[in-house]
Amino acid sequence: MKNMTDYKVLSFDCYGTLIDWEAGLLGVLRPWADEQELKLDDEKLLLAYADGEAAVMQEHPSKLYPELLAAALKRAGDHLGRPVTEQWAERLGNSVPDWPAFPDSADALRRLG
């Protein structure tokens, strides 16, 4: 096992590692889908969103994350044949601070510190 004190810097992705991005996304995607009467389970809804996000990321790699989220939801809505209002798009884009951390994140960061 490597000695973590041998390193001066650690880098890792926050979303999916420390932050439960699926729960965060579903906090907005699920109410939107229910309003639109979409009969998709969470997995299919996340996959539809992920396709939109991948396309927006490829087309606009320098977009700020909140703008990317909003544009990706609009793209997913287009693909699913359901409208996404500016209010829903902004709601997703502004939701990141509310996304939950995984239960072990704080303790893991404390130990790394």
PDB file of N, CA and C in Angstrom:
ATOM      1  N   MET A   1       0.839  -1.178   0.000  1.00  0.00           N
ATOM      2  CA  MET A   1       0.000   0.000   0.000  1.00  0.00           C
ATOM      3  C   MET A   1       0.885   1.242   0.000  1.00  0.00           C
ATOM      4  N   LYS A   2       0.535   2.200  -0.832  1.00  0.00           N
ATOM      5  CA  LYS A   2       1.318   3.428  -0.933  1.00  0.00           C
ATOM      6  C   LYS A   2       1.093   4.308   0.288  1.00  0.00           C
ATOM      7  N   ASN A   3       2.129   5.025   0.659  1.00  0.00           N
ATOM      8  CA  ASN A   3       2.042   5.970   1.752  1.00  0.00           C
ATOM      9  C   ASN A   3       1.519   7.288   1.188  1.00  0.00           C
ATOM     10  N   MET A   4       0.339   7.684   1.592  1.00  0.00           N
ATOM     11  CA  MET A   4      -0.285   8.882   1.044  1.00  0.00           C
ATOM     12  C   MET A   4       0.498  10.152   1.390  1.00  0.00           C
ATOM     13  N   THR A   5       1.336  10.121   2.402  1.00  0.00           N
ATOM     14  CA  THR A   5       2.128  11.307   2.740  1.00  0.00           C
ATOM     15  C   THR A   5       3.276  11.525   1.762  1.00  0.00           C
ATOM     16  N   ASP A   6       3.511  10.556   0.867  1.00  0.00           N
ATOM     17  CA  ASP A   6       4.525  10.731  -0.171  1.00  0.00           C
ATOM     18  C   ASP A   6       4.060  11.694  -1.263  1.00  0.00           C
ATOM     19  N   TYR A   7       2.784  12.009  -1.281  1.00  0.00           N
ATOM     20  CA  TYR A   7       2.209  12.870  -2.311  1.00  0.00           C
ATOM     21  C   TYR A   7       1.960  14.266  -1.764  1.00  0.00           C
ATOM     22  N   LYS A   8       2.197  15.257  -2.622  1.00  0.00           N
ATOM     23  CA  LYS A   8       1.919  16.636  -2.238  1.00  0.00           C
ATOM     24  C   LYS A   8       0.560  17.093  -2.733  1.00  0.00           C
ATOM     25  N   VAL A   9       0.073  16.468  -3.814  1.00  0.00           N
ATOM     26  CA  VAL A   9      -1.193  16.863  -4.418  1.00  0.00           C
ATOM     27  C   VAL A   9      -1.959  15.618  -4.841  1.00  0.00           C
ATOM     28  N   LEU A  10      -3.255  15.642  -4.608  1.00  0.00           N
ATOM     29  CA  LEU A  10      -4.155  14.611  -5.107  1.00  0.00           C
ATOM     30  C   LEU A  10      -5.212  15.301  -5.955  1.00  0.00           C
ATOM     31  N   SER A  11      -5.588  14.667  -7.030  1.00  0.00           N
ATOM     32  CA  SER A  11      -6.628  15.218  -7.893  1.00  0.00           C
ATOM     33  C   SER A  11      -7.631  14.117  -8.204  1.00  0.00           C
ATOM     34  N   PHE A  12      -8.899  14.446  -8.101  1.00  0.00           N
ATOM     35  CA  PHE A  12      -9.943  13.495  -8.450  1.00  0.00           C
ATOM     36  C   PHE A  12     -11.205  14.261  -8.784  1.00  0.00           C
ATOM     37  N   ASP A  13     -12.083  13.589  -9.509  1.00  0.00           N
ATOM     38  CA  ASP A  13     -13.358  14.161  -9.905  1.00  0.00           C
ATOM     39  C   ASP A  13     -14.292  14.168  -8.701  1.00  0.00           C
ATOM     40  N   CYS A  14     -14.950  15.281  -8.463  1.00  0.00           N
ATOM     41  CA  CYS A  14     -15.874  15.382  -7.327  1.00  0.00           C
ATOM     42  C   CYS A  14     -17.181  14.650  -7.577  1.00  0.00           C
ATOM     43  N   TYR A  15     -17.733  14.803  -8.794  1.00  0.00           N
ATOM     44  CA  TYR A  15     -19.045  14.255  -9.086  1.00  0.00           C
ATOM     45  C   TYR A  15     -18.932  12.766  -9.363  1.00  0.00           C
ATOM     46  N   GLY A  16     -19.596  12.004  -8.524  1.00  0.00           N
ATOM     47  CA  GLY A  16     -19.527  10.555  -8.618  1.00  0.00           C
ATOM     48  C   GLY A  16     -18.492   9.979  -7.674  1.00  0.00           C
ATOM     49  N   THR A  17     -17.604  10.813  -7.162  1.00  0.00           N
ATOM     50  CA  THR A  17     -16.586  10.380  -6.207  1.00  0.00           C
ATOM     51  C   THR A  17     -16.962  10.859  -4.810  1.00  0.00           C
ATOM     52  N   LEU A  18     -17.172  12.142  -4.664  1.00  0.00           N
ATOM     53  CA  LEU A  18     -17.576  12.734  -3.386  1.00  0.00           C
ATOM     54  C   LEU A  18     -19.055  13.106  -3.367  1.00  0.00           C
ATOM     55  N   ILE A  19     -19.543  13.531  -4.510  1.00  0.00           N
ATOM     56  CA  ILE A  19     -20.907  14.035  -4.631  1.00  0.00           C
ATOM     57  C   ILE A  19     -21.761  13.041  -5.413  1.00  0.00           C
ATOM     58  N   ASP A  20     -22.937  12.751  -4.886  1.00  0.00           N
ATOM     59  CA  ASP A  20     -23.853  11.830  -5.538  1.00  0.00           C
ATOM     60  C   ASP A  20     -24.601  12.589  -6.631  1.00  0.00           C
ATOM     61  N   TRP A  21     -23.964  12.673  -7.799  1.00  0.00           N
ATOM     62  CA  TRP A  21     -24.524  13.468  -8.888  1.00  0.00           C
ATOM     63  C   TRP A  21     -25.816  12.866  -9.418  1.00  0.00           C
ATOM     64  N   GLU A  22     -25.962  11.553  -9.357  1.00  0.00           N
ATOM     65  CA  GLU A  22     -27.219  10.952  -9.820  1.00  0.00           C
ATOM     66  C   GLU A  22     -28.385  11.420  -8.960  1.00  0.00           C
ATOM     67  N   ALA A  23     -28.212  11.392  -7.649  1.00  0.00           N
ATOM     68  CA  ALA A  23     -29.281  11.869  -6.753  1.00  0.00           C
ATOM     69  C   ALA A  23     -29.530  13.353  -6.978  1.00  0.00           C
ATOM     70  N   GLY A  24     -28.456  14.119  -7.182  1.00  0.00           N
ATOM     71  CA  GLY A  24     -28.609  15.544  -7.435  1.00  0.00           C
ATOM     72  C   GLY A  24     -29.376  15.825  -8.711  1.00  0.00           C
ATOM     73  N   LEU A  25     -29.012  15.148  -9.784  1.00  0.00           N
ATOM     74  CA  LEU A  25     -29.721  15.317 -11.057  1.00  0.00           C
ATOM     75  C   LEU A  25     -31.181  14.893 -10.934  1.00  0.00           C
ATOM     76  N   LEU A  26     -31.407  13.754 -10.308  1.00  0.00           N
ATOM     77  CA  LEU A  26     -32.774  13.253 -10.189  1.00  0.00           C
ATOM     78  C   LEU A  26     -33.655  14.151  -9.335  1.00  0.00           C
ATOM     79  N   GLY A  27     -33.037  14.941  -8.460  1.00  0.00           N
ATOM     80  CA  GLY A  27     -33.806  15.888  -7.662  1.00  0.00           C
ATOM     81  C   GLY A  27     -34.548  16.894  -8.520  1.00  0.00           C
ATOM     82  N   VAL A  28     -34.078  17.123  -9.741  1.00  0.00           N
ATOM     83  CA  VAL A  28     -34.752  18.013 -10.693  1.00  0.00           C
ATOM     84  C   VAL A  28     -35.351  17.215 -11.847  1.00  0.00           C
ATOM     85  N   LEU A  29     -34.617  16.245 -12.363  1.00  0.00           N
ATOM     86  CA  LEU A  29     -35.117  15.483 -13.512  1.00  0.00           C
ATOM     87  C   LEU A  29     -36.421  14.751 -13.211  1.00  0.00           C
ATOM     88  N   ARG A  30     -36.517  14.137 -12.033  1.00  0.00           N
ATOM     89  CA  ARG A  30     -37.716  13.371 -11.703  1.00  0.00           C
ATOM     90  C   ARG A  30     -38.953  14.270 -11.650  1.00  0.00           C
ATOM     91  N   PRO A  31     -38.938  15.417 -10.940  1.00  0.00           N
ATOM     92  CA  PRO A  31     -40.137  16.263 -10.946  1.00  0.00           C
ATOM     93  C   PRO A  31     -40.484  16.787 -12.348  1.00  0.00           C
ATOM     94  N   TRP A  32     -39.462  17.111 -13.149  1.00  0.00           N
ATOM     95  CA  TRP A  32     -39.725  17.552 -14.522  1.00  0.00           C
ATOM     96  C   TRP A  32     -40.393  16.436 -15.319  1.00  0.00           C
ATOM     97  N   ALA A  33     -39.834  15.219 -15.240  1.00  0.00           N
ATOM     98  CA  ALA A  33     -40.384  14.080 -15.986  1.00  0.00           C
ATOM     99  C   ALA A  33     -41.806  13.767 -15.534  1.00  0.00           C
ATOM    100  N   ASP A  34     -42.052  13.856 -14.231  1.00  0.00           N
ATOM    101  CA  ASP A  34     -43.400  13.597 -13.727  1.00  0.00           C
ATOM    102  C   ASP A  34     -44.376  14.647 -14.250  1.00  0.00           C
ATOM    103  N   GLU A  35     -43.943  15.902 -14.269  1.00  0.00           N
ATOM    104  CA  GLU A  35     -44.796  16.970 -14.805  1.00  0.00           C
ATOM    105  C   GLU A  35     -45.116  16.724 -16.282  1.00  0.00           C
ATOM    106  N   GLN A  36     -44.146  16.184 -16.992  1.00  0.00           N
ATOM    107  CA  GLN A  36     -44.312  15.899 -18.421  1.00  0.00           C
ATOM    108  C   GLN A  36     -45.013  14.563 -18.679  1.00  0.00           C
ATOM    109  N   GLU A  37     -45.354  13.863 -17.603  1.00  0.00           N
ATOM    110  CA  GLU A  37     -46.002  12.550 -17.679  1.00  0.00           C
ATOM    111  C   GLU A  37     -45.169  11.545 -18.480  1.00  0.00           C
ATOM    112  N   LEU A  38     -43.850  11.645 -18.303  1.00  0.00           N
ATOM    113  CA  LEU A  38     -42.941  10.670 -18.915  1.00  0.00           C
ATOM    114  C   LEU A  38     -42.925   9.418 -18.055  1.00  0.00           C
ATOM    115  N   LYS A  39     -43.086   8.294 -18.661  1.00  0.00           N
ATOM    116  CA  LYS A  39     -43.102   7.016 -17.947  1.00  0.00           C
ATOM    117  C   LYS A  39     -41.731   6.354 -18.054  1.00  0.00           C
ATOM    118  N   LEU A  40     -40.709   7.034 -17.541  1.00  0.00           N
ATOM    119  CA  LEU A  40     -39.344   6.507 -17.554  1.00  0.00           C
ATOM    120  C   LEU A  40     -38.902   6.241 -16.128  1.00  0.00           C
ATOM    121  N   ASP A  41     -38.222   5.107 -15.905  1.00  0.00           N
ATOM    122  CA  ASP A  41     -37.637   4.900 -14.586  1.00  0.00           C
ATOM    123  C   ASP A  41     -36.395   5.784 -14.470  1.00  0.00           C
ATOM    124  N   ASP A  42     -35.839   5.848 -13.267  1.00  0.00           N
ATOM    125  CA  ASP A  42     -34.705   6.747 -13.019  1.00  0.00           C
ATOM    126  C   ASP A  42     -33.522   6.450 -13.932  1.00  0.00           C
ATOM    127  N   GLU A  43     -33.232   5.175 -14.142  1.00  0.00           N
ATOM    128  CA  GLU A  43     -32.090   4.814 -14.987  1.00  0.00           C
ATOM    129  C   GLU A  43     -32.263   5.318 -16.417  1.00  0.00           C
ATOM    130  N   LYS A  44     -33.436   5.115 -16.983  1.00  0.00           N
ATOM    131  CA  LYS A  44     -33.681   5.574 -18.352  1.00  0.00           C
ATOM    132  C   LYS A  44     -33.692   7.092 -18.439  1.00  0.00           C
ATOM    133  N   LEU A  45     -34.197   7.739 -17.410  1.00  0.00           N
ATOM    134  CA  LEU A  45     -34.204   9.195 -17.381  1.00  0.00           C
ATOM    135  C   LEU A  45     -32.777   9.733 -17.324  1.00  0.00           C
ATOM    136  N   LEU A  46     -31.941   9.139 -16.474  1.00  0.00           N
ATOM    137  CA  LEU A  46     -30.532   9.555 -16.391  1.00  0.00           C
ATOM    138  C   LEU A  46     -29.792   9.291 -17.702  1.00  0.00           C
ATOM    139  N   LEU A  47     -30.086   8.175 -18.344  1.00  0.00           N
ATOM    140  CA  LEU A  47     -29.439   7.877 -19.628  1.00  0.00           C
ATOM    141  C   LEU A  47     -29.841   8.890 -20.697  1.00  0.00           C
ATOM    142  N   ALA A  48     -31.111   9.257 -20.735  1.00  0.00           N
ATOM    143  CA  ALA A  48     -31.561  10.262 -21.704  1.00  0.00           C
ATOM    144  C   ALA A  48     -30.872  11.595 -21.432  1.00  0.00           C
ATOM    145  N   TYR A  49     -30.758  11.946 -20.163  1.00  0.00           N
ATOM    146  CA  TYR A  49     -30.074  13.185 -19.806  1.00  0.00           C
ATOM    147  C   TYR A  49     -28.589  13.095 -20.190  1.00  0.00           C
ATOM    148  N   ALA A  50     -27.951  11.963 -19.895  1.00  0.00           N
ATOM    149  CA  ALA A  50     -26.518  11.794 -20.156  1.00  0.00           C
ATOM    150  C   ALA A  50     -26.200  11.945 -21.641  1.00  0.00           C
ATOM    151  N   ASP A  51     -27.077  11.456 -22.490  1.00  0.00           N
ATOM    152  CA  ASP A  51     -26.867  11.625 -23.928  1.00  0.00           C
ATOM    153  C   ASP A  51     -26.867  13.105 -24.293  1.00  0.00           C
ATOM    154  N   GLY A  52     -27.799  13.854 -23.721  1.00  0.00           N
ATOM    155  CA  GLY A  52     -27.845  15.299 -23.963  1.00  0.00           C
ATOM    156  C   GLY A  52     -26.615  16.001 -23.436  1.00  0.00           C
ATOM    157  N   GLU A  53     -26.166  15.599 -22.251  1.00  0.00           N
ATOM    158  CA  GLU A  53     -24.988  16.228 -21.665  1.00  0.00           C
ATOM    159  C   GLU A  53     -23.747  15.953 -22.504  1.00  0.00           C
ATOM    160  N   ALA A  54     -23.583  14.724 -22.959  1.00  0.00           N
ATOM    161  CA  ALA A  54     -22.407  14.381 -23.770  1.00  0.00           C
ATOM    162  C   ALA A  54     -22.376  15.206 -25.053  1.00  0.00           C
ATOM    163  N   ALA A  55     -23.528  15.363 -25.680  1.00  0.00           N
ATOM    164  CA  ALA A  55     -23.584  16.142 -26.922  1.00  0.00           C
ATOM    165  C   ALA A  55     -23.247  17.607 -26.671  1.00  0.00           C
ATOM    166  N   VAL A  56     -23.796  18.177 -25.608  1.00  0.00           N
ATOM    167  CA  VAL A  56     -23.524  19.587 -25.301  1.00  0.00           C
ATOM    168  C   VAL A  56     -22.057  19.774 -24.931  1.00  0.00           C
ATOM    169  N   MET A  57     -21.496  18.845 -24.176  1.00  0.00           N
ATOM    170  CA  MET A  57     -20.079  18.950 -23.793  1.00  0.00           C
ATOM    171  C   MET A  57     -19.180  18.925 -25.030  1.00  0.00           C
ATOM    172  N   GLN A  58     -19.517  18.087 -25.991  1.00  0.00           N
ATOM    173  CA  GLN A  58     -18.699  17.987 -27.195  1.00  0.00           C
ATOM    174  C   GLN A  58     -18.809  19.267 -28.029  1.00  0.00           C
ATOM    175  N   GLU A  59     -20.001  19.810 -28.114  1.00  0.00           N
ATOM    176  CA  GLU A  59     -20.215  21.010 -28.926  1.00  0.00           C
ATOM    177  C   GLU A  59     -19.715  22.288 -28.259  1.00  0.00           C
ATOM    178  N   HIS A  60     -19.783  22.322 -26.925  1.00  0.00           N
ATOM    179  CA  HIS A  60     -19.428  23.537 -26.172  1.00  0.00           C
ATOM    180  C   HIS A  60     -18.554  23.174 -24.967  1.00  0.00           C
ATOM    181  N   PRO A  61     -17.316  22.756 -25.191  1.00  0.00           N
ATOM    182  CA  PRO A  61     -16.482  22.264 -24.091  1.00  0.00           C
ATOM    183  C   PRO A  61     -16.127  23.313 -23.033  1.00  0.00           C
ATOM    184  N   SER A  62     -16.279  24.583 -23.340  1.00  0.00           N
ATOM    185  CA  SER A  62     -15.908  25.604 -22.358  1.00  0.00           C
ATOM    186  C   SER A  62     -17.110  26.175 -21.605  1.00  0.00           C
ATOM    187  N   LYS A  63     -18.292  25.599 -21.800  1.00  0.00           N
ATOM    188  CA  LYS A  63     -19.481  26.080 -21.087  1.00  0.00           C
ATOM    189  C   LYS A  63     -19.287  25.896 -19.586  1.00  0.00           C
ATOM    190  N   LEU A  64     -19.756  26.860 -18.824  1.00  0.00           N
ATOM    191  CA  LEU A  64     -19.778  26.697 -17.371  1.00  0.00           C
ATOM    192  C   LEU A  64     -20.751  25.578 -17.015  1.00  0.00           C
ATOM    193  N   TYR A  65     -20.456  24.866 -15.932  1.00  0.00           N
ATOM    194  CA  TYR A  65     -21.248  23.682 -15.597  1.00  0.00           C
ATOM    195  C   TYR A  65     -22.743  23.974 -15.460  1.00  0.00           C
ATOM    196  N   PRO A  66     -23.152  25.041 -14.762  1.00  0.00           N
ATOM    197  CA  PRO A  66     -24.595  25.310 -14.692  1.00  0.00           C
ATOM    198  C   PRO A  66     -25.234  25.515 -16.071  1.00  0.00           C
ATOM    199  N   GLU A  67     -24.519  26.169 -16.974  1.00  0.00           N
ATOM    200  CA  GLU A  67     -25.032  26.363 -18.335  1.00  0.00           C
ATOM    201  C   GLU A  67     -25.088  25.037 -19.086  1.00  0.00           C
ATOM    202  N   LEU A  68     -24.095  24.193 -18.872  1.00  0.00           N
ATOM    203  CA  LEU A  68     -24.065  22.876 -19.492  1.00  0.00           C
ATOM    204  C   LEU A  68     -25.252  22.039 -19.040  1.00  0.00           C
ATOM    205  N   LEU A  69     -25.527  22.043 -17.737  1.00  0.00           N
ATOM    206  CA  LEU A  69     -26.651  21.283 -17.205  1.00  0.00           C
ATOM    207  C   LEU A  69     -27.964  21.745 -17.832  1.00  0.00           C
ATOM    208  N   ALA A  70     -28.149  23.067 -17.897  1.00  0.00           N
ATOM    209  CA  ALA A  70     -29.379  23.621 -18.458  1.00  0.00           C
ATOM    210  C   ALA A  70     -29.532  23.236 -19.927  1.00  0.00           C
ATOM    211  N   ALA A  71     -28.468  23.385 -20.692  1.00  0.00           N
ATOM    212  CA  ALA A  71     -28.524  23.043 -22.119  1.00  0.00           C
ATOM    213  C   ALA A  71     -28.739  21.550 -22.319  1.00  0.00           C
ATOM    214  N   ALA A  72     -28.137  20.730 -21.480  1.00  0.00           N
ATOM    215  CA  ALA A  72     -28.282  19.279 -21.600  1.00  0.00           C
ATOM    216  C   ALA A  72     -29.716  18.853 -21.313  1.00  0.00           C
ATOM    217  N   LEU A  73     -30.361  19.486 -20.343  1.00  0.00           N
ATOM    218  CA  LEU A  73     -31.752  19.145 -20.061  1.00  0.00           C
ATOM    219  C   LEU A  73     -32.638  19.520 -21.246  1.00  0.00           C
ATOM    220  N   LYS A  74     -32.372  20.673 -21.839  1.00  0.00           N
ATOM    221  CA  LYS A  74     -33.148  21.065 -23.021  1.00  0.00           C
ATOM    222  C   LYS A  74     -32.944  20.057 -24.156  1.00  0.00           C
ATOM    223  N   ARG A  75     -31.706  19.610 -24.337  1.00  0.00           N
ATOM    224  CA  ARG A  75     -31.404  18.631 -25.383  1.00  0.00           C
ATOM    225  C   ARG A  75     -32.130  17.316 -25.089  1.00  0.00           C
ATOM    226  N   ALA A  76     -32.104  16.884 -23.839  1.00  0.00           N
ATOM    227  CA  ALA A  76     -32.792  15.648 -23.462  1.00  0.00           C
ATOM    228  C   ALA A  76     -34.293  15.785 -23.692  1.00  0.00           C
ATOM    229  N   GLY A  77     -34.845  16.940 -23.337  1.00  0.00           N
ATOM    230  CA  GLY A  77     -36.266  17.174 -23.560  1.00  0.00           C
ATOM    231  C   GLY A  77     -36.621  17.099 -25.033  1.00  0.00           C
ATOM    232  N   ASP A  78     -35.786  17.687 -25.883  1.00  0.00           N
ATOM    233  CA  ASP A  78     -36.017  17.605 -27.329  1.00  0.00           C
ATOM    234  C   ASP A  78     -36.024  16.147 -27.780  1.00  0.00           C
ATOM    235  N   HIS A  79     -35.042  15.382 -27.303  1.00  0.00           N
ATOM    236  CA  HIS A  79     -34.935  13.972 -27.683  1.00  0.00           C
ATOM    237  C   HIS A  79     -36.155  13.169 -27.225  1.00  0.00           C
ATOM    238  N   LEU A  80     -36.670  13.512 -26.050  1.00  0.00           N
ATOM    239  CA  LEU A  80     -37.809  12.789 -25.491  1.00  0.00           C
ATOM    240  C   LEU A  80     -39.149  13.337 -25.982  1.00  0.00           C
ATOM    241  N   GLY A  81     -39.093  14.414 -26.762  1.00  0.00           N
ATOM    242  CA  GLY A  81     -40.324  14.991 -27.284  1.00  0.00           C
ATOM    243  C   GLY A  81     -41.131  15.740 -26.251  1.00  0.00           C
ATOM    244  N   ARG A  82     -40.451  16.260 -25.241  1.00  0.00           N
ATOM    245  CA  ARG A  82     -41.122  17.004 -24.176  1.00  0.00           C
ATOM    246  C   ARG A  82     -40.413  18.338 -23.989  1.00  0.00           C
ATOM    247  N   PRO A  83     -41.167  19.414 -23.834  1.00  0.00           N
ATOM    248  CA  PRO A  83     -40.548  20.731 -23.700  1.00  0.00           C
ATOM    249  C   PRO A  83     -39.859  20.913 -22.350  1.00  0.00           C
ATOM    250  N   VAL A  84     -38.802  21.686 -22.382  1.00  0.00           N
ATOM    251  CA  VAL A  84     -38.113  22.083 -21.155  1.00  0.00           C
ATOM    252  C   VAL A  84     -38.146  23.611 -21.122  1.00  0.00           C
ATOM    253  N   THR A  85     -38.835  24.141 -20.147  1.00  0.00           N
ATOM    254  CA  THR A  85     -38.919  25.588 -20.031  1.00  0.00           C
ATOM    255  C   THR A  85     -37.594  26.141 -19.511  1.00  0.00           C
ATOM    256  N   GLU A  86     -37.410  27.431 -19.703  1.00  0.00           N
ATOM    257  CA  GLU A  86     -36.209  28.088 -19.168  1.00  0.00           C
ATOM    258  C   GLU A  86     -36.144  27.922 -17.652  1.00  0.00           C
ATOM    259  N   GLN A  87     -37.309  27.926 -16.999  1.00  0.00           N
ATOM    260  CA  GLN A  87     -37.356  27.764 -15.535  1.00  0.00           C
ATOM    261  C   GLN A  87     -36.798  26.400 -15.117  1.00  0.00           C
ATOM    262  N   TRP A  88     -37.214  25.322 -15.812  1.00  0.00           N
ATOM    263  CA  TRP A  88     -36.694  23.988 -15.488  1.00  0.00           C
ATOM    264  C   TRP A  88     -35.205  23.893 -15.787  1.00  0.00           C
ATOM    265  N   ALA A  89     -34.784  24.456 -16.912  1.00  0.00           N
ATOM    266  CA  ALA A  89     -33.364  24.417 -17.273  1.00  0.00           C
ATOM    267  C   ALA A  89     -32.529  25.140 -16.219  1.00  0.00           C
ATOM    268  N   GLU A  90     -32.966  26.316 -15.809  1.00  0.00           N
ATOM    269  CA  GLU A  90     -32.234  27.072 -14.784  1.00  0.00           C
ATOM    270  C   GLU A  90     -32.272  26.349 -13.445  1.00  0.00           C
ATOM    271  N   ARG A  91     -33.393  25.717 -13.150  1.00  0.00           N
ATOM    272  CA  ARG A  91     -33.503  24.975 -11.889  1.00  0.00           C
ATOM    273  C   ARG A  91     -32.437  23.886 -11.818  1.00  0.00           C
ATOM    274  N   LEU A  92     -32.248  23.158 -12.923  1.00  0.00           N
ATOM    275  CA  LEU A  92     -31.201  22.135 -12.925  1.00  0.00           C
ATOM    276  C   LEU A  92     -29.828  22.790 -12.835  1.00  0.00           C
ATOM    277  N   GLY A  93     -29.603  23.820 -13.618  1.00  0.00           N
ATOM    278  CA  GLY A  93     -28.308  24.494 -13.604  1.00  0.00           C
ATOM    279  C   GLY A  93     -27.934  25.048 -12.244  1.00  0.00           C
ATOM    280  N   ASN A  94     -28.914  25.482 -11.487  1.00  0.00           N
ATOM    281  CA  ASN A  94     -28.664  26.066 -10.163  1.00  0.00           C
ATOM    282  C   ASN A  94     -28.721  25.055  -9.024  1.00  0.00           C
ATOM    283  N   SER A  95     -28.949  23.792  -9.344  1.00  0.00           N
ATOM    284  CA  SER A  95     -29.152  22.789  -8.294  1.00  0.00           C
ATOM    285  C   SER A  95     -27.870  22.214  -7.703  1.00  0.00           C
ATOM    286  N   VAL A  96     -26.741  22.445  -8.339  1.00  0.00           N
ATOM    287  CA  VAL A  96     -25.489  21.792  -7.914  1.00  0.00           C
ATOM    288  C   VAL A  96     -25.167  21.990  -6.424  1.00  0.00           C
ATOM    289  N   PRO A  97     -25.317  23.181  -5.866  1.00  0.00           N
ATOM    290  CA  PRO A  97     -25.005  23.321  -4.434  1.00  0.00           C
ATOM    291  C   PRO A  97     -25.869  22.444  -3.521  1.00  0.00           C
ATOM    292  N   ASP A  98     -26.988  21.981  -4.021  1.00  0.00           N
ATOM    293  CA  ASP A  98     -27.890  21.145  -3.221  1.00  0.00           C
ATOM    294  C   ASP A  98     -27.635  19.658  -3.391  1.00  0.00           C
ATOM    295  N   TRP A  99     -26.738  19.268  -4.303  1.00  0.00           N
ATOM    296  CA  TRP A  99     -26.480  17.856  -4.531  1.00  0.00           C
ATOM    297  C   TRP A  99     -25.826  17.258  -3.294  1.00  0.00           C
ATOM    298  N   PRO A 100     -26.280  16.086  -2.874  1.00  0.00           N
ATOM    299  CA  PRO A 100     -25.751  15.507  -1.639  1.00  0.00           C
ATOM    300  C   PRO A 100     -24.374  14.861  -1.823  1.00  0.00           C
ATOM    301  N   ALA A 101     -23.601  14.947  -0.776  1.00  0.00           N
ATOM    302  CA  ALA A 101     -22.330  14.210  -0.728  1.00  0.00           C
ATOM    303  C   ALA A 101     -22.643  12.763  -0.350  1.00  0.00           C
ATOM    304  N   PHE A 102     -21.785  11.848  -0.797  1.00  0.00           N
ATOM    305  CA  PHE A 102     -21.920  10.476  -0.338  1.00  0.00           C
ATOM    306  C   PHE A 102     -21.650  10.450   1.163  1.00  0.00           C
ATOM    307  N   PRO A 103     -22.251   9.524   1.894  1.00  0.00           N
ATOM    308  CA  PRO A 103     -22.112   9.499   3.359  1.00  0.00           C
ATOM    309  C   PRO A 103     -20.669   9.429   3.866  1.00  0.00           C
ATOM    310  N   ASP A 104     -19.773   8.807   3.111  1.00  0.00           N
ATOM    311  CA  ASP A 104     -18.398   8.644   3.583  1.00  0.00           C
ATOM    312  C   ASP A 104     -17.452   9.743   3.091  1.00  0.00           C
ATOM    313  N   SER A 105     -17.949  10.723   2.342  1.00  0.00           N
ATOM    314  CA  SER A 105     -17.069  11.739   1.747  1.00  0.00           C
ATOM    315  C   SER A 105     -16.347  12.588   2.779  1.00  0.00           C
ATOM    316  N   ALA A 106     -17.063  13.109   3.743  1.00  0.00           N
ATOM    317  CA  ALA A 106     -16.444  14.002   4.740  1.00  0.00           C
ATOM    318  C   ALA A 106     -15.347  13.269   5.511  1.00  0.00           C
ATOM    319  N   ASP A 107     -15.630  12.046   5.919  1.00  0.00           N
ATOM    320  CA  ASP A 107     -14.630  11.283   6.671  1.00  0.00           C
ATOM    321  C   ASP A 107     -13.420  10.957   5.800  1.00  0.00           C
ATOM    322  N   ALA A 108     -13.650  10.593   4.568  1.00  0.00           N
ATOM    323  CA  ALA A 108     -12.532  10.285   3.663  1.00  0.00           C
ATOM    324  C   ALA A 108     -11.649  11.510   3.442  1.00  0.00           C
ATOM    325  N   LEU A 109     -12.252  12.665   3.236  1.00  0.00           N
ATOM    326  CA  LEU A 109     -11.453  13.887   3.058  1.00  0.00           C
ATOM    327  C   LEU A 109     -10.700  14.254   4.330  1.00  0.00           C
ATOM    328  N   ARG A 110     -11.327  14.037   5.466  1.00  0.00           N
ATOM    329  CA  ARG A 110     -10.665  14.307   6.748  1.00  0.00           C
ATOM    330  C   ARG A 110      -9.424  13.419   6.883  1.00  0.00           C
ATOM    331  N   ARG A 111      -9.570  12.128   6.540  1.00  0.00           N
ATOM    332  CA  ARG A 111      -8.426  11.213   6.634  1.00  0.00           C
ATOM    333  C   ARG A 111      -7.329  11.585   5.648  1.00  0.00           C
ATOM    334  N   LEU A 112      -7.709  12.008   4.439  1.00  0.00           N
ATOM    335  CA  LEU A 112      -6.704  12.424   3.469  1.00  0.00           C
ATOM    336  C   LEU A 112      -5.971  13.691   3.915  1.00  0.00           C
ATOM    337  N   GLY A 113      -6.701  14.549   4.622  1.00  0.00           N
ATOM    338  CA  GLY A 113      -6.104  15.800   5.088  1.00  0.00           C
ATOM    339  C   GLY A 113      -5.004  15.566   6.072  1.00  0.00           C
TER     340      GLY A 113
END
